[in-house]
Structure formats: structure tokens, C-alpha cells
């Protein structure tokens, strides 16, 4: 933890000698395998957005299409919901590996069979927000509404509220809103450590399970 209480970033963390991790049942290492499910929650004029999606695709130099549908971009995202997610679920089932789905609520709502299959396999569904959009400039009241809507959609699809949260493209206040809601055990909107850690958010202790972004296959997307 940083000694500079006036500076909000923690550049020290566990320091030179991290504590030995003590995992349940004495296991030596804990790994959270994650599948991001976002297809159907991305920017699209069909969703009331001003332009099409341009993020994370194989289209070289992709830019938003203002006021228009982008059929090629839409179909690239649709591959994930039609084909990709099922291949991944089958793969993890074959090797009997538990999985966390970072599920965008709007995306799961448009393809509820994914949530049903994940729950039947005993996987965790962590809320990936209501939309797969950049929340940087989204007003606070709208972001709060989206958080609450995401919880209710996942609850309606699975019978359980989500206990984990990951937005991805956060605003400055995302974590504070997650803690304010009060029902989450952790969020993963950090990339700054190998081990989970506790942080203080508005006077409350909050668990962060860092995301190992270098293992995300987004690095294979054409910049």
C-alpha cells in the first residue's frame, strides 16, 4: 500500500515479497478461466446507439458508421454467439474445468441459451455490465441504472444475482457504484497484480481479483 495518502493510485501493492497465497484445500495455484460474452450488447444503431461498433474486430482500420448498421461488423460479433461460445463451453466441459462467464446482460438476454448452458455446467456468471460500450462519458445516473439492470437480467436468466463484476471500459466512478450497490463479492476491473487484494472504496473494504489482460485473445485482433 502506498504511504502517500493524498495520491489515489497504489504503486506499491504487496511490494518486494508478496504474501504466500493460501488457497482452499491447500492447492498451490488458483486460476480463473474467463470467457467474455459480449455479442449483442455492443454498439449498434439497433440498440439506440449513434453509430456501429468499431472495437475488437478483424476489420483493418474499422471506424464507426454513424447512423447506419455495419453488416460486416455485426456478423463478426455474431460469430461469437452463434459458434464461438459453444465451442468454448464444449472445450471446458471436455476437460472438466470450471469457468467464469463475463456476461454482458443485454447479450445474454438476446441469447438466453448461453446463460442456461453455463448454469447447467456449474459455471459462474459474472456481470460484464449491461452494455459492451465505453462508459467513460456515460452519465452517473445512467451507469447506475445500467448496473442495476444488469443484475436483474442475470437474476431473471439464472435465478441468482451475480457476485462478480467486470466492466472493462470503465468510468472513473464504476468501482464506487459497484461498492455502493452492496451485493458484489469482487470486481475484476484492475490489471495491476497477480494476486487478489483488498482496497478501500468510500470507507468500505472491497475485494479486487485482477484481470490478466495479456492472456485475453484481444491481442490477436487487428489494430
Foldseek 3Di string as FASTA:
>chain_A
DDPPPVDPDDPAPCHPDRDQDQDPPRDRDDDAAEDEQAQQQEDAVVVVHQWRDQPQDQDAPGDTDGPDGDVVVNVRSVCCVPPVLVVVLVVCVVVVHAHEYQYQLSRCVVPLVSLVSNVVSVHAYAHQWNHLDACAPPDPVVRLVRRVVSQVSSCVSRVDGHQEYHPPRDHPCNVVSVVVVPRHQEYADAANDCAWDWDAHPNDTHIYHHDPCVPDCSVVHHD
